[in-house]
Every structure is written in C-alpha cells, then in structure tokens.
Amino acid sequence: MRRTGVLGGTFDPIHLGHLALADAARRALSLDEVLLLPSRLPPHRSQEPAASPFHRLAMAALAVAGRPGLVASDLELRRDGPSFTADTLRALHAAGHAPLDLFFLTGTDAFAEIATWREYPDVLNLAHFVVCARPGTPPSVVPLQAPEVAQRLVDRFDAAGGTALHGTRGSDGAASARIYLLDAVTPAVSSTEIRAVARAGRPLAGLVPPDVEAYIRRHGLYGAPPEPDAGASASGRQLA
C-alpha cells in the first residue's frame, strides 16, 4: 500500500507554510504522496471561508503543480457540513487506504485541542498523527498528560535530517497507530495575514506561490484589486 499523508485545512488561501509542512512530512516519513484537502467548513469555525470551494481547490491545484508527491483533493468539498477528521479518514479507508498507511498531518496549535475533536480518542486509531511545531507553538503544548496521547507518542525526530520512521508497533509488538512529533522549519505565514495583504493591494511574494498570487488577483479574491489588462493598456497607449 502507498504511504499517504493527509493535510486538511481551509486553504483560504493555501500558502507556503502548508506546502513546507507537506514537503517536510513527505521526506521525513518516506510518504509516497501527500493529499491536500481544502475543507468545506472547519468544525471549529462557524463562518464560511472567504473564497468559494471552487476557488480554494483551484488554488490548491496550482500550488502543488510541479511539486512531486503533493496532490490536491476535493474529498472534503464533496461532503456537506463541517469537515470532521474522523469522517475524512473513514472515507479514505473506504477508498482502499489502510489506517496504518495513512499519516494525518496537523500543527501543534490544532493538536493541542485534540480532546475536543469529534470521536476523540477513537479518532487516533484511524491513522498515524504527525504533529508539526507551528511558529509560536512548540511541541511542548502536545497534551502528553492524556494517556491516549502519551502511550502512542514516538520520540521527536528532525525532518531536516531526512530521517524516515517506520516504527509503528506498540510495546507489545502489535501494529498500532502512532503519534509523531515533527521538527520542521516552516514559514510563519497565515491565511489571515495573506487576505489582509491582498486586500491592501500589496504583493504576496514570499507568502503564496506565484501562480496562486496571479489567480487571486485575476479573480479579485479577498478584495485584491485586479491587475490591469496588459492588452488594454497597450491599446490605450497606442490610441493616445
């Protein structure tokens, strides 16, 4: 079976931090692919995303183009309502993915609230969890005091070293879903910041891939002023 990473998020818009996390996990865990899944509606967020599902999926597809092993998926967008992790992982099981071949990627900020997730602690049995330190949120926030977490934890490892971990068996030798703490350097970028920068009409270089920036401006997403039409400008200069 293919070792598959799963990275969900609103992706409103997708940015370089998301891509850095996906690439780091793919290398560190020898994943064959990482699926990037824009969510229809994050469970802990009642407000609809600013961009439509169509636009967010299109931006994700542009962002992964030319990046080996990264794949944009509409799996969560095809379901109505909140995009619960447990539902997503079960859908992947139904599509033929074994739980121990799935690696669900999340940040320490989100994982710190794991006890509030739907179907906790059973959700931890549906895949391995890979918890990546987020800027300003170190691995120490992982709720080690919860026995459901502590007994599954694999010692932290360094993605920069390219170390691939395959230790997916518990102390009794039986195969089990594990929790990995991933040390990886990812850009301190947030979608909230990007939307504000776009609305102000400032460049998005260093925040999103160039094709994603062009898409945002072409469609006027997040209040970004559209780029002037080059052909029209040239014709106007000729007429002048």
C-alpha atoms as a PDB file:
ATOM      1  CA  MET A   1       0.000   0.000   0.000  1.00  0.00           C
ATOM      2  CA  ARG A   2       1.036   3.584  -0.606  1.00  0.00           C
ATOM      3  CA  ARG A   3       2.102   5.582   2.436  1.00  0.00           C
ATOM      4  CA  THR A   4      -0.172   8.599   2.209  1.00  0.00           C
ATOM      5  CA  GLY A   5      -0.058  11.864   4.105  1.00  0.00           C
ATOM      6  CA  VAL A   6      -3.282  13.797   4.654  1.00  0.00           C
ATOM      7  CA  LEU A   7      -3.189  17.562   5.171  1.00  0.00           C
ATOM      8  CA  GLY A   8      -6.529  19.266   5.571  1.00  0.00           C
ATOM      9  CA  GLY A   9      -7.287  22.925   6.089  1.00  0.00           C
ATOM     10  CA  THR A  10      -9.466  25.761   4.936  1.00  0.00           C
ATOM     11  CA  PHE A  11      -6.705  26.807   2.500  1.00  0.00           C
ATOM     12  CA  ASP A  12      -8.241  30.263   2.253  1.00  0.00           C
ATOM     13  CA  PRO A  13      -5.802  30.628   0.581  1.00  0.00           C
ATOM     14  CA  ILE A  14      -3.227  27.840   0.572  1.00  0.00           C
ATOM     15  CA  HIS A  15       0.232  29.229   1.328  1.00  0.00           C
ATOM     16  CA  LEU A  16       3.929  28.393   1.531  1.00  0.00           C
ATOM     17  CA  GLY A  17       3.617  27.218   5.138  1.00  0.00           C
ATOM     18  CA  HIS A  18       1.167  24.492   4.112  1.00  0.00           C
ATOM     19  CA  LEU A  19       3.463  23.369   1.307  1.00  0.00           C
ATOM     20  CA  ALA A  20       6.552  23.351   3.538  1.00  0.00           C
ATOM     21  CA  LEU A  21       4.775  21.137   6.069  1.00  0.00           C
ATOM     22  CA  ALA A  22       3.621  18.723   3.369  1.00  0.00           C
ATOM     23  CA  ASP A  23       7.113  18.505   1.846  1.00  0.00           C
ATOM     24  CA  ALA A  24       8.815  18.052   5.244  1.00  0.00           C
ATOM     25  CA  ALA A  25       6.481  15.238   6.271  1.00  0.00           C
ATOM     26  CA  ARG A  26       6.793  13.533   2.883  1.00  0.00           C
ATOM     27  CA  ARG A  27      10.574  13.436   3.189  1.00  0.00           C
ATOM     28  CA  ALA A  28      10.775  12.560   6.890  1.00  0.00           C
ATOM     29  CA  LEU A  29       8.255   9.720   6.749  1.00  0.00           C
ATOM     30  CA  SER A  30       9.044   8.453   3.231  1.00  0.00           C
ATOM     31  CA  LEU A  31       5.483   9.140   2.118  1.00  0.00           C
ATOM     32  CA  ASP A  32       4.531   8.257  -1.439  1.00  0.00           C
ATOM     33  CA  GLU A  33       2.100  11.157  -1.599  1.00  0.00           C
ATOM     34  CA  VAL A  34       0.515  13.872   0.494  1.00  0.00           C
ATOM     35  CA  LEU A  35      -3.125  14.759  -0.172  1.00  0.00           C
ATOM     36  CA  LEU A  36      -4.005  18.417   0.426  1.00  0.00           C
ATOM     37  CA  LEU A  37      -7.718  18.635   1.173  1.00  0.00           C
ATOM     38  CA  PRO A  38      -9.475  22.006   1.305  1.00  0.00           C
ATOM     39  CA  SER A  39     -12.264  21.664   3.870  1.00  0.00           C
ATOM     40  CA  ARG A  40     -15.815  22.689   3.135  1.00  0.00           C
ATOM     41  CA  LEU A  41     -16.206  24.127   6.637  1.00  0.00           C
ATOM     42  CA  PRO A  42     -13.735  23.695   9.519  1.00  0.00           C
ATOM     43  CA  PRO A  43     -15.511  22.140  12.532  1.00  0.00           C
ATOM     44  CA  HIS A  44     -14.310  24.833  14.959  1.00  0.00           C
ATOM     45  CA  ARG A  45     -15.292  27.693  12.691  1.00  0.00           C
ATOM     46  CA  SER A  46     -18.897  28.755  12.096  1.00  0.00           C
ATOM     47  CA  GLN A  47     -18.079  31.364   9.432  1.00  0.00           C
ATOM     48  CA  GLU A  48     -17.909  30.313   5.791  1.00  0.00           C
ATOM     49  CA  PRO A  49     -14.483  30.666   4.130  1.00  0.00           C
ATOM     50  CA  ALA A  50     -13.982  33.905   2.206  1.00  0.00           C
ATOM     51  CA  ALA A  51     -13.297  32.120  -1.099  1.00  0.00           C
ATOM     52  CA  SER A  52     -15.619  29.532  -2.636  1.00  0.00           C
ATOM     53  CA  PRO A  53     -14.809  25.804  -2.620  1.00  0.00           C
ATOM     54  CA  PHE A  54     -14.113  26.045  -6.360  1.00  0.00           C
ATOM     55  CA  HIS A  55     -11.529  28.806  -5.918  1.00  0.00           C
ATOM     56  CA  ARG A  56      -9.849  27.169  -2.923  1.00  0.00           C
ATOM     57  CA  LEU A  57      -9.481  23.861  -4.748  1.00  0.00           C
ATOM     58  CA  ALA A  58      -8.179  25.650  -7.852  1.00  0.00           C
ATOM     59  CA  MET A  59      -5.551  27.461  -5.782  1.00  0.00           C
ATOM     60  CA  ALA A  60      -4.520  24.201  -4.110  1.00  0.00           C
ATOM     61  CA  ALA A  61      -4.124  22.552  -7.517  1.00  0.00           C
ATOM     62  CA  LEU A  62      -1.976  25.451  -8.738  1.00  0.00           C
ATOM     63  CA  ALA A  63       0.124  25.354  -5.563  1.00  0.00           C
ATOM     64  CA  VAL A  64       1.042  21.651  -5.880  1.00  0.00           C
ATOM     65  CA  ALA A  65       1.714  21.735  -9.627  1.00  0.00           C
ATOM     66  CA  GLY A  66       5.305  20.670 -10.214  1.00  0.00           C
ATOM     67  CA  ARG A  67       5.788  19.529  -6.602  1.00  0.00           C
ATOM     68  CA  PRO A  68       6.452  15.766  -6.586  1.00  0.00           C
ATOM     69  CA  GLY A  69       4.188  13.755  -4.329  1.00  0.00           C
ATOM     70  CA  LEU A  70       1.750  16.565  -3.495  1.00  0.00           C
ATOM     71  CA  VAL A  71      -1.831  16.130  -4.705  1.00  0.00           C
ATOM     72  CA  ALA A  72      -4.851  18.429  -4.338  1.00  0.00           C
ATOM     73  CA  SER A  73      -8.054  16.558  -3.437  1.00  0.00           C
ATOM     74  CA  ASP A  74     -11.720  17.579  -3.332  1.00  0.00           C
ATOM     75  CA  LEU A  75     -12.659  14.778  -0.906  1.00  0.00           C
ATOM     76  CA  GLU A  76     -13.910  17.104   1.840  1.00  0.00           C
ATOM     77  CA  LEU A  77     -15.504  19.566  -0.548  1.00  0.00           C
ATOM     78  CA  ARG A  78     -17.784  16.818  -1.850  1.00  0.00           C
ATOM     79  CA  ARG A  79     -19.378  16.424   1.592  1.00  0.00           C
ATOM     80  CA  ASP A  80     -21.873  18.880   3.059  1.00  0.00           C
ATOM     81  CA  GLY A  81     -21.426  20.325   6.510  1.00  0.00           C
ATOM     82  CA  PRO A  82     -18.348  20.518   8.742  1.00  0.00           C
ATOM     83  CA  SER A  83     -15.269  18.585   7.606  1.00  0.00           C
ATOM     84  CA  PHE A  84     -14.597  16.271  10.539  1.00  0.00           C
ATOM     85  CA  THR A  85     -11.258  14.439  10.538  1.00  0.00           C
ATOM     86  CA  ALA A  86     -12.880  11.146  11.545  1.00  0.00           C
ATOM     87  CA  ASP A  87     -15.239  11.282   8.545  1.00  0.00           C
ATOM     88  CA  THR A  88     -12.378  12.097   6.171  1.00  0.00           C
ATOM     89  CA  LEU A  89     -10.186   9.251   7.394  1.00  0.00           C
ATOM     90  CA  ARG A  90     -13.054   6.767   7.161  1.00  0.00           C
ATOM     91  CA  ALA A  91     -13.728   7.922   3.601  1.00  0.00           C
ATOM     92  CA  LEU A  92     -10.092   7.194   2.779  1.00  0.00           C
ATOM     93  CA  HIS A  93     -10.438   3.749   4.363  1.00  0.00           C
ATOM     94  CA  ALA A  94     -13.454   3.113   2.149  1.00  0.00           C
ATOM     95  CA  ALA A  95     -11.340   4.130  -0.856  1.00  0.00           C
ATOM     96  CA  GLY A  96      -8.823   1.401  -0.017  1.00  0.00           C
ATOM     97  CA  HIS A  97      -6.324   3.083   2.326  1.00  0.00           C
ATOM     98  CA  ALA A  98      -5.338   1.048   5.378  1.00  0.00           C
ATOM     99  CA  PRO A  99      -5.263   3.039   8.662  1.00  0.00           C
ATOM    100  CA  LEU A 100      -1.572   2.276   9.239  1.00  0.00           C
ATOM    101  CA  ASP A 101      -0.674   3.576   5.779  1.00  0.00           C
ATOM    102  CA  LEU A 102      -2.278   6.973   6.486  1.00  0.00           C
ATOM    103  CA  PHE A 103      -0.448   9.839   8.194  1.00  0.00           C
ATOM    104  CA  PHE A 104      -2.664  12.741   9.236  1.00  0.00           C
ATOM    105  CA  LEU A 105      -0.665  15.987   9.362  1.00  0.00           C
ATOM    106  CA  THR A 106      -1.575  18.737  11.791  1.00  0.00           C
ATOM    107  CA  GLY A 107       0.034  21.606  13.664  1.00  0.00           C
ATOM    108  CA  THR A 108       0.724  21.732  17.388  1.00  0.00           C
ATOM    109  CA  ASP A 109      -1.812  24.541  17.711  1.00  0.00           C
ATOM    110  CA  ALA A 110      -4.633  22.351  16.389  1.00  0.00           C
ATOM    111  CA  PHE A 111      -3.462  19.171  18.120  1.00  0.00           C
ATOM    112  CA  ALA A 112      -3.391  20.942  21.488  1.00  0.00           C
ATOM    113  CA  GLU A 113      -7.203  20.822  21.259  1.00  0.00           C
ATOM    114  CA  ILE A 114      -7.372  17.146  20.253  1.00  0.00           C
ATOM    115  CA  ALA A 115      -9.628  16.286  23.205  1.00  0.00           C
ATOM    116  CA  THR A 116     -12.366  18.475  21.638  1.00  0.00           C
ATOM    117  CA  TRP A 117     -12.242  16.687  18.273  1.00  0.00           C
ATOM    118  CA  ARG A 118     -15.172  14.578  17.175  1.00  0.00           C
ATOM    119  CA  GLU A 119     -14.859  10.920  18.236  1.00  0.00           C
ATOM    120  CA  TYR A 120     -11.799  11.514  20.433  1.00  0.00           C
ATOM    121  CA  PRO A 121      -9.961   9.348  21.431  1.00  0.00           C
ATOM    122  CA  ASP A 122     -11.178   6.833  18.820  1.00  0.00           C
ATOM    123  CA  VAL A 123     -10.099   9.161  16.006  1.00  0.00           C
ATOM    124  CA  LEU A 124      -6.478   8.387  16.975  1.00  0.00           C
ATOM    125  CA  ASN A 125      -6.994   4.811  15.764  1.00  0.00           C
ATOM    126  CA  LEU A 126      -7.917   5.871  12.226  1.00  0.00           C
ATOM    127  CA  ALA A 127      -4.399   6.921  11.126  1.00  0.00           C
ATOM    128  CA  HIS A 128      -0.984   7.861  12.412  1.00  0.00           C
ATOM    129  CA  PHE A 129      -0.900  11.506  13.512  1.00  0.00           C
ATOM    130  CA  VAL A 130       2.075  13.704  12.600  1.00  0.00           C
ATOM    131  CA  VAL A 131       2.213  16.832  14.752  1.00  0.00           C
ATOM    132  CA  CYS A 132       4.384  19.642  13.405  1.00  0.00           C
ATOM    133  CA  ALA A 133       5.605  22.554  15.501  1.00  0.00           C
ATOM    134  CA  ARG A 134       3.985  25.788  14.363  1.00  0.00           C
ATOM    135  CA  PRO A 135       5.659  29.183  14.712  1.00  0.00           C
ATOM    136  CA  GLY A 136       4.953  30.317  18.258  1.00  0.00           C
ATOM    137  CA  THR A 137       3.536  26.922  19.276  1.00  0.00           C
ATOM    138  CA  PRO A 138       6.286  24.469  20.312  1.00  0.00           C
ATOM    139  CA  PRO A 139       5.838  20.688  20.627  1.00  0.00           C
ATOM    140  CA  SER A 140       5.672  21.082  24.404  1.00  0.00           C
ATOM    141  CA  VAL A 141       1.989  22.015  24.082  1.00  0.00           C
ATOM    142  CA  VAL A 142       1.114  18.488  22.970  1.00  0.00           C
ATOM    143  CA  PRO A 143      -1.142  17.151  25.735  1.00  0.00           C
ATOM    144  CA  LEU A 144       1.198  14.419  26.967  1.00  0.00           C
ATOM    145  CA  GLN A 145      -0.762  14.156  30.192  1.00  0.00           C
ATOM    146  CA  ALA A 146      -3.568  12.465  28.260  1.00  0.00           C
ATOM    147  CA  PRO A 147      -2.867   8.712  28.322  1.00  0.00           C
ATOM    148  CA  GLU A 148      -4.435   8.277  24.895  1.00  0.00           C
ATOM    149  CA  VAL A 149      -1.671  10.529  23.533  1.00  0.00           C
ATOM    150  CA  ALA A 150       1.296   9.593  25.707  1.00  0.00           C
ATOM    151  CA  GLN A 151       1.095   5.874  25.016  1.00  0.00           C
ATOM    152  CA  ARG A 152       1.189   6.443  21.256  1.00  0.00           C
ATOM    153  CA  LEU A 153       3.952   9.016  21.132  1.00  0.00           C
ATOM    154  CA  VAL A 154       7.087   8.391  19.091  1.00  0.00           C
ATOM    155  CA  ASP A 155      10.186  10.363  20.087  1.00  0.00           C
ATOM    156  CA  ARG A 156      10.528  13.620  18.216  1.00  0.00           C
ATOM    157  CA  PHE A 157      12.548  13.490  15.008  1.00  0.00           C
ATOM    158  CA  ASP A 158      14.146  16.029  12.726  1.00  0.00           C
ATOM    159  CA  ALA A 159      12.694  16.441   9.253  1.00  0.00           C
ATOM    160  CA  ALA A 160      15.758  18.360   8.100  1.00  0.00           C
ATOM    161  CA  GLY A 161      17.830  15.221   8.641  1.00  0.00           C
ATOM    162  CA  GLY A 162      15.614  13.247   6.303  1.00  0.00           C
ATOM    163  CA  THR A 163      15.023  10.569   8.936  1.00  0.00           C
ATOM    164  CA  ALA A 164      12.263   8.192   7.926  1.00  0.00           C
ATOM    165  CA  LEU A 165      10.466   6.488  10.783  1.00  0.00           C
ATOM    166  CA  HIS A 166       8.685   3.191  10.302  1.00  0.00           C
ATOM    167  CA  GLY A 167       8.290   2.299  13.992  1.00  0.00           C
ATOM    168  CA  THR A 168       4.556   1.720  14.009  1.00  0.00           C
ATOM    169  CA  ARG A 169       4.343  -1.053  16.607  1.00  0.00           C
ATOM    170  CA  GLY A 170       3.490  -0.667  20.248  1.00  0.00           C
ATOM    171  CA  SER A 171       5.422  -2.026  23.189  1.00  0.00           C
ATOM    172  CA  ASP A 172       3.554  -5.323  22.912  1.00  0.00           C
ATOM    173  CA  GLY A 173       4.728  -5.750  19.315  1.00  0.00           C
ATOM    174  CA  ALA A 174       1.265  -5.263  17.844  1.00  0.00           C
ATOM    175  CA  ALA A 175       0.771  -2.824  14.995  1.00  0.00           C
ATOM    176  CA  SER A 176      -0.839   0.375  16.195  1.00  0.00           C
ATOM    177  CA  ALA A 177      -1.436   3.950  15.129  1.00  0.00           C
ATOM    178  CA  ARG A 178       1.250   6.261  16.495  1.00  0.00           C
ATOM    179  CA  ILE A 179       1.786   9.983  17.072  1.00  0.00           C
ATOM    180  CA  TYR A 180       4.950  11.569  15.694  1.00  0.00           C
ATOM    181  CA  LEU A 181       6.294  14.974  16.705  1.00  0.00           C
ATOM    182  CA  LEU A 182       7.833  16.503  13.603  1.00  0.00           C
ATOM    183  CA  ASP A 183      10.546  19.131  13.945  1.00  0.00           C
ATOM    184  CA  ALA A 184      10.431  21.087  10.703  1.00  0.00           C
ATOM    185  CA  VAL A 185      11.087  24.699   9.850  1.00  0.00           C
ATOM    186  CA  THR A 186       8.021  26.185   8.150  1.00  0.00           C
ATOM    187  CA  PRO A 187       7.401  29.815   7.192  1.00  0.00           C
ATOM    188  CA  ALA A 188       5.495  31.909   9.727  1.00  0.00           C
ATOM    189  CA  VAL A 189       2.647  32.600   7.332  1.00  0.00           C
ATOM    190  CA  SER A 190      -1.095  32.708   7.975  1.00  0.00           C
ATOM    191  CA  SER A 191      -4.058  32.859   5.626  1.00  0.00           C
ATOM    192  CA  THR A 192      -5.489  35.720   7.695  1.00  0.00           C
ATOM    193  CA  GLU A 193      -2.352  37.750   7.023  1.00  0.00           C
ATOM    194  CA  ILE A 194      -2.458  36.935   3.312  1.00  0.00           C
ATOM    195  CA  ARG A 195      -6.069  38.064   2.969  1.00  0.00           C
ATOM    196  CA  ALA A 196      -5.204  41.380   4.626  1.00  0.00           C
ATOM    197  CA  VAL A 197      -2.169  41.887   2.388  1.00  0.00           C
ATOM    198  CA  ALA A 198      -4.228  41.060  -0.713  1.00  0.00           C
ATOM    199  CA  ARG A 199      -6.980  43.460   0.355  1.00  0.00           C
ATOM    200  CA  ALA A 200      -4.382  46.207   0.732  1.00  0.00           C
ATOM    201  CA  GLY A 201      -3.154  45.567  -2.803  1.00  0.00           C
ATOM    202  CA  ARG A 202       0.363  44.671  -1.680  1.00  0.00           C
ATOM    203  CA  PRO A 203       2.497  41.908  -3.265  1.00  0.00           C
ATOM    204  CA  LEU A 204       2.069  38.359  -1.980  1.00  0.00           C
ATOM    205  CA  ALA A 205       5.594  37.209  -2.847  1.00  0.00           C
ATOM    206  CA  GLY A 206       7.016  35.007  -0.089  1.00  0.00           C
ATOM    207  CA  LEU A 207       3.531  34.158   1.162  1.00  0.00           C
ATOM    208  CA  VAL A 208       1.962  32.105  -1.646  1.00  0.00           C
ATOM    209  CA  PRO A 209       3.312  30.537  -4.858  1.00  0.00           C
ATOM    210  CA  PRO A 210       3.390  32.927  -7.845  1.00  0.00           C
ATOM    211  CA  ASP A 211       0.587  31.073  -9.662  1.00  0.00           C
ATOM    212  CA  VAL A 212      -1.639  31.379  -6.601  1.00  0.00           C
ATOM    213  CA  GLU A 213      -0.963  35.116  -6.354  1.00  0.00           C
ATOM    214  CA  ALA A 214      -1.812  35.530 -10.029  1.00  0.00           C
ATOM    215  CA  TYR A 215      -5.047  33.584  -9.511  1.00  0.00           C
ATOM    216  CA  ILE A 216      -6.049  35.723  -6.523  1.00  0.00           C
ATOM    217  CA  ARG A 217      -5.520  38.908  -8.499  1.00  0.00           C
ATOM    218  CA  ARG A 218      -7.129  37.600 -11.665  1.00  0.00           C
ATOM    219  CA  HIS A 219     -10.342  36.761  -9.775  1.00  0.00           C
ATOM    220  CA  GLY A 220     -10.234  39.654  -7.320  1.00  0.00           C
ATOM    221  CA  LEU A 221     -10.277  37.311  -4.302  1.00  0.00           C
ATOM    222  CA  TYR A 222     -10.098  38.741  -0.778  1.00  0.00           C
ATOM    223  CA  GLY A 223     -10.697  42.230  -2.140  1.00  0.00           C
ATOM    224  CA  ALA A 224      -7.452  42.216  -4.102  1.00  0.00           C
ATOM    225  CA  PRO A 225      -7.504  44.854  -6.849  1.00  0.00           C
ATOM    226  CA  PRO A 226      -7.300  43.088 -10.205  1.00  0.00           C
ATOM    227  CA  GLU A 227      -4.207  43.577 -12.295  1.00  0.00           C
ATOM    228  CA  PRO A 228      -4.736  45.907 -15.253  1.00  0.00           C
ATOM    229  CA  ASP A 229      -5.255  44.171 -18.556  1.00  0.00           C
ATOM    230  CA  ALA A 230      -1.928  44.379 -20.387  1.00  0.00           C
ATOM    231  CA  GLY A 231      -3.550  44.320 -23.823  1.00  0.00           C
ATOM    232  CA  ALA A 232      -5.973  47.082 -22.988  1.00  0.00           C
ATOM    233  CA  SER A 233      -3.185  49.243 -21.547  1.00  0.00           C
ATOM    234  CA  ALA A 234      -1.097  48.797 -24.683  1.00  0.00           C
ATOM    235  CA  SER A 235      -4.047  49.732 -26.918  1.00  0.00           C
ATOM    236  CA  GLY A 236      -4.713  52.816 -24.828  1.00  0.00           C
ATOM    237  CA  ARG A 237      -1.123  53.971 -25.194  1.00  0.00           C
ATOM    238  CA  GLN A 238      -1.321  53.495 -28.974  1.00  0.00           C
ATOM    239  CA  LEU A 239      -4.556  55.478 -29.218  1.00  0.00           C
ATOM    240  CA  ALA A 240      -3.070  58.238 -27.081  1.00  0.00           C
END
